[in-house]
Protein backbone atom coordinates (compact mmCIF):
# COMPACT_ATOMS: atom_id res chain seq x y z
CA MET A 1 -167.07 -87.91 -184.45
CA THR A 2 -169.72 -85.28 -184.97
CA THR A 3 -171.74 -83.76 -182.18
CA LEU A 4 -175.43 -83.19 -182.90
CA THR A 5 -177.78 -81.14 -180.80
CA ALA A 6 -181.45 -82.05 -180.91
CA GLN A 7 -184.52 -81.05 -178.99
CA ILE A 8 -186.66 -83.98 -177.91
CA PRO A 9 -189.67 -84.24 -175.61
CA ASP A 10 -188.83 -84.54 -171.92
CA SER A 11 -190.70 -87.84 -171.69
CA LEU A 12 -188.54 -89.35 -174.45
CA ALA A 13 -185.38 -88.05 -172.80
CA ARG A 14 -186.40 -89.76 -169.57
CA GLN A 15 -187.06 -93.02 -171.39
CA VAL A 16 -183.65 -92.86 -173.07
CA GLU A 17 -181.92 -92.16 -169.77
CA GLU A 18 -183.72 -95.04 -168.05
CA LEU A 19 -182.96 -97.45 -170.88
CA ALA A 20 -179.30 -96.45 -170.98
CA THR A 21 -179.08 -97.05 -167.24
CA ARG A 22 -180.77 -100.47 -167.49
CA GLU A 23 -178.57 -101.51 -170.42
CA HIS A 24 -175.40 -100.13 -168.83
CA VAL A 25 -174.53 -98.03 -171.89
CA GLN A 26 -173.90 -94.35 -172.39
CA ILE A 27 -176.80 -92.27 -173.68
CA ASP A 28 -174.69 -91.24 -176.70
CA HIS A 29 -174.17 -94.88 -177.61
CA LEU A 30 -177.85 -95.74 -177.22
CA VAL A 31 -178.95 -92.77 -179.33
CA ALA A 32 -176.41 -93.64 -182.03
CA ILE A 33 -177.69 -97.23 -182.19
CA ALA A 34 -181.32 -96.10 -182.37
CA LEU A 35 -180.56 -93.51 -185.04
CA ALA A 36 -178.57 -95.98 -187.12
CA SER A 37 -181.42 -98.47 -186.95
CA GLN A 38 -183.98 -95.90 -188.05
CA VAL A 39 -181.80 -94.63 -190.90
CA ALA A 40 -181.24 -98.21 -192.09
CA GLY A 41 -185.00 -98.77 -192.08
CA TRP A 42 -185.63 -95.68 -194.16
CA GLU A 43 -182.87 -96.62 -196.60
CA THR A 44 -184.31 -100.12 -196.96
CA ARG A 45 -187.79 -98.72 -197.60
CA ASN A 46 -186.42 -96.30 -200.20
CA SER A 47 -184.50 -99.09 -201.92
CA ILE A 48 -187.58 -101.32 -202.08
CA GLU A 49 -189.69 -98.45 -203.43
CA GLN A 50 -187.12 -97.79 -206.17
CA ARG A 51 -186.95 -101.47 -207.10
CA ALA A 52 -190.76 -101.69 -207.14
CA LYS A 53 -190.90 -98.80 -209.62
CA ARG A 54 -188.69 -100.82 -211.98
CA GLY A 55 -190.90 -103.88 -211.64
CA ASN A 56 -193.34 -105.01 -214.30
CA ILE A 57 -196.52 -106.70 -213.10
CA ASP A 58 -197.18 -108.26 -216.53
CA ALA A 59 -193.71 -109.84 -216.57
CA LEU A 60 -194.35 -111.19 -213.07
CA ARG A 61 -197.66 -112.72 -214.15
CA GLN A 62 -196.00 -114.31 -217.20
CA ALA A 63 -193.30 -115.83 -215.00
CA LEU A 64 -195.87 -117.16 -212.50
CA ASP A 65 -197.93 -118.63 -215.34
CA ARG A 66 -194.91 -120.80 -216.25
CA VAL A 67 -194.88 -122.40 -212.80
CA PRO A 68 -196.65 -125.76 -212.92
CA ALA A 69 -199.80 -126.07 -210.83
CA ARG A 70 -199.33 -128.92 -208.38
CA PRO A 71 -199.91 -129.52 -204.69
CA PRO A 72 -197.21 -128.39 -202.25
CA LEU A 73 -194.50 -130.83 -201.27
CA GLU A 74 -194.77 -132.46 -197.87
CA GLY A 75 -193.79 -129.93 -195.22
CA ASP A 76 -194.42 -126.91 -197.46
CA ASP A 77 -197.99 -126.58 -196.25
CA LEU A 78 -196.97 -125.58 -192.72
């Protein structure tokens, strides 16, 4: 395991301490979960941005033009 030292606002530190107490977990565990969640979100955003750059709007339009125009099936309009 790696130990990180970070400076955070006092108000955030209090919130983390209170939440850890309410959830009956150690602060280290709570911070690790929160950090992992945030990193995963950034990685997902970066992945989507990269995939979007490879996309081709004209190819998408051509594919959508091949879809027959008809009313939605029962239950699809919800």
